[in-house]
Amino acid sequence: MRCPYCGADDTRVVDSRPAEGGSTIRRRRECEACHNRFTTYERREYALVVRKRDGSAEPFSPGKIVSGVSRAMVGRDVLPGSLEALVRTVEGFAEEHGPEVSSAEIGHRVLEALRELDEVAYLRFASVHKEFEHAVDFEREVAALEERT
């Protein structure tokens, strides 16, 4: 690892620990030449590809799931850690069915998890994922939710 201060190649790891729920390794390093310290993060590189509705493909990103579900959960009283558990569930599904999964499959898995977690967040996410255009779309989805309970 090259020192960001002096550019020297000789650095050593001073401390190493898990971060971001164990999905990342945080390393504290020290440059042997200038003795400055800096932090690096090791993250897994995803080999999974998501096929979008328009046919394009992009790398799988758990961050996009977090972003979409977080918007759906705004103002909802959801247990801490439930968002992370939902993302791990969807990520596990994608890994199991990879190396390429469709955005529709991922959205469906998110909806299944949200249905169990919070019905309002489920409806918010469904309105985007299923492209609701009219109030009747919400009514139909609420009726389907009521049938399942």
Protein backbone atom coordinates (compact mmCIF):
# COMPACT_ATOMS: atom_id res chain seq x y z
CA MET A 1 0.00 0.00 0.00
CA ARG A 2 1.43 3.36 -1.02
CA CYS A 3 1.55 6.16 1.57
CA PRO A 4 -0.84 8.99 0.62
CA TYR A 5 1.51 11.54 2.26
CA CYS A 6 4.95 10.76 0.85
CA GLY A 7 4.25 8.06 -1.77
CA ALA A 8 6.53 5.47 -0.16
CA ASP A 9 5.68 1.81 -0.78
CA ASP A 10 6.73 0.60 2.67
CA THR A 11 3.76 0.73 5.07
CA ARG A 12 2.78 -1.57 7.90
CA VAL A 13 -0.58 -2.49 9.40
CA VAL A 14 -0.93 -1.15 12.95
CA ASP A 15 -4.53 -2.25 13.61
CA SER A 16 -7.09 -4.33 11.75
CA ARG A 17 -10.77 -4.84 12.60
CA PRO A 18 -14.12 -5.61 10.97
CA ALA A 19 -16.30 -2.68 9.93
CA GLU A 20 -19.72 -2.09 8.36
CA GLY A 21 -21.28 -5.12 9.99
CA GLY A 22 -18.39 -7.41 9.13
CA SER A 23 -18.56 -6.90 5.37
CA THR A 24 -15.47 -4.68 5.36
CA ILE A 25 -12.04 -4.77 6.99
CA ARG A 26 -10.70 -1.49 8.38
CA ARG A 27 -6.91 -1.29 8.56
CA ARG A 28 -4.89 1.40 10.28
CA ARG A 29 -1.50 1.75 8.59
CA GLU A 30 1.72 3.58 9.29
CA CYS A 31 4.28 4.67 6.71
CA GLU A 32 7.78 3.43 7.55
CA ALA A 33 9.33 6.43 5.77
CA CYS A 34 7.39 9.46 7.09
CA HIS A 35 5.59 7.79 10.06
CA ASN A 36 2.21 9.26 9.14
CA ARG A 37 -0.82 7.07 9.78
CA PHE A 38 -3.79 6.50 7.50
CA THR A 39 -6.79 4.19 7.24
CA THR A 40 -7.69 1.82 4.44
CA TYR A 41 -10.81 -0.27 3.92
CA GLU A 42 -11.01 -3.63 2.19
CA ARG A 43 -14.38 -4.36 0.61
CA ARG A 44 -15.53 -7.32 -1.35
CA GLU A 45 -15.70 -6.80 -5.08
CA TYR A 46 -18.96 -8.12 -6.44
CA ALA A 47 -18.93 -10.41 -9.45
CA LEU A 48 -22.72 -10.35 -9.56
CA VAL A 49 -24.42 -8.54 -12.41
CA VAL A 50 -27.93 -7.09 -12.36
CA ARG A 51 -29.86 -7.11 -15.63
CA LYS A 52 -32.07 -4.02 -15.73
CA ARG A 53 -35.50 -3.77 -17.37
CA ASP A 54 -34.06 -1.92 -20.35
CA GLY A 55 -31.60 -4.77 -20.97
CA SER A 56 -28.53 -2.98 -19.66
CA ALA A 57 -26.38 -4.58 -16.98
CA GLU A 58 -24.58 -3.18 -13.95
CA PRO A 59 -22.68 -4.63 -10.99
CA PHE A 60 -24.79 -5.70 -8.00
CA SER A 61 -24.82 -2.97 -5.36
CA PRO A 62 -26.12 -3.56 -1.84
CA GLY A 63 -26.01 0.22 -1.43
CA LYS A 64 -28.79 0.62 -3.99
CA ILE A 65 -30.99 -1.75 -1.99
CA VAL A 66 -30.23 0.18 1.20
CA SER A 67 -31.09 3.45 -0.54
CA GLY A 68 -34.41 2.24 -1.95
CA VAL A 69 -35.55 0.50 1.20
CA SER A 70 -34.45 3.42 3.39
CA ARG A 71 -36.68 5.76 1.38
CA ALA A 72 -39.59 3.34 1.80
CA MET A 73 -38.98 3.15 5.57
CA VAL A 74 -38.84 6.91 6.25
CA GLY A 75 -40.80 7.69 9.38
CA ARG A 76 -41.57 4.02 10.11
CA ASP A 77 -40.82 2.41 13.47
CA VAL A 78 -38.64 -0.50 12.38
CA LEU A 79 -36.31 -2.48 14.64
CA PRO A 80 -32.62 -1.55 14.45
CA GLY A 81 -30.67 -3.97 12.28
CA SER A 82 -33.70 -5.05 10.27
CA LEU A 83 -32.58 -3.08 7.20
CA GLU A 84 -29.16 -4.77 7.31
CA ALA A 85 -30.80 -8.18 7.70
CA LEU A 86 -33.05 -7.48 4.71
CA VAL A 87 -30.05 -6.49 2.57
CA ARG A 88 -28.14 -9.65 3.63
CA THR A 89 -31.18 -11.77 2.68
CA VAL A 90 -31.45 -10.20 -0.77
CA GLU A 91 -27.68 -10.38 -1.25
CA GLY A 92 -27.72 -14.09 -0.35
CA PHE A 93 -30.48 -14.68 -2.89
CA ALA A 94 -28.51 -12.84 -5.58
CA GLU A 95 -25.34 -14.82 -4.84
CA GLU A 96 -27.27 -18.09 -4.90
CA HIS A 97 -28.93 -17.29 -8.24
CA GLY A 98 -26.02 -15.39 -9.83
CA PRO A 99 -23.79 -14.56 -11.56
CA GLU A 100 -26.57 -12.60 -13.26
CA VAL A 101 -29.95 -11.74 -11.73
CA SER A 102 -32.69 -9.48 -12.98
CA SER A 103 -33.66 -6.28 -11.22
CA ALA A 104 -37.22 -7.66 -11.16
CA GLU A 105 -36.06 -10.70 -9.15
CA ILE A 106 -34.19 -8.50 -6.71
CA GLY A 107 -37.19 -6.19 -6.36
CA HIS A 108 -39.44 -9.18 -5.73
CA ARG A 109 -37.14 -10.44 -2.94
CA VAL A 110 -37.09 -6.98 -1.37
CA LEU A 111 -40.89 -6.87 -1.48
CA GLU A 112 -41.15 -10.30 0.18
CA ALA A 113 -38.89 -9.16 3.00
CA LEU A 114 -40.68 -5.81 3.41
CA ARG A 115 -44.07 -7.50 3.54
CA GLU A 116 -42.96 -9.25 6.74
CA LEU A 117 -41.20 -6.20 8.14
CA ASP A 118 -43.57 -3.26 7.55
CA GLU A 119 -46.65 -3.11 5.33
CA VAL A 120 -46.47 0.66 4.75
CA ALA A 121 -42.83 0.42 3.64
CA TYR A 122 -43.89 -2.52 1.46
CA LEU A 123 -46.56 -0.40 -0.26
CA ARG A 124 -44.16 2.50 -0.76
CA PHE A 125 -41.53 0.23 -2.32
CA ALA A 126 -44.15 -1.62 -4.39
CA SER A 127 -45.44 1.65 -5.81
CA VAL A 128 -42.04 2.29 -7.37
CA HIS A 129 -41.06 -1.29 -8.20
CA LYS A 130 -44.42 -2.16 -9.76
CA GLU A 131 -44.77 1.31 -11.31
CA PHE A 132 -48.14 2.27 -9.82
CA GLU A 133 -49.88 4.97 -11.85
CA HIS A 134 -53.33 5.25 -10.24
CA ALA A 135 -54.99 4.92 -6.85
CA VAL A 136 -56.55 1.65 -7.99
CA ASP A 137 -53.05 0.16 -8.14
CA PHE A 138 -52.66 0.86 -4.41
CA GLU A 139 -56.12 -0.53 -3.69
CA ARG A 140 -55.28 -3.75 -5.52
CA GLU A 141 -52.01 -4.13 -3.62
CA VAL A 142 -53.65 -3.45 -0.24
CA ALA A 143 -56.32 -6.06 -1.06
CA ALA A 144 -53.59 -8.58 -1.89
CA LEU A 145 -51.85 -7.78 1.41
CA GLU A 146 -55.08 -8.30 3.36
CA GLU A 147 -55.62 -11.68 1.68
CA ARG A 148 -52.22 -12.88 2.92
CA THR A 149 -52.87 -11.99 6.56
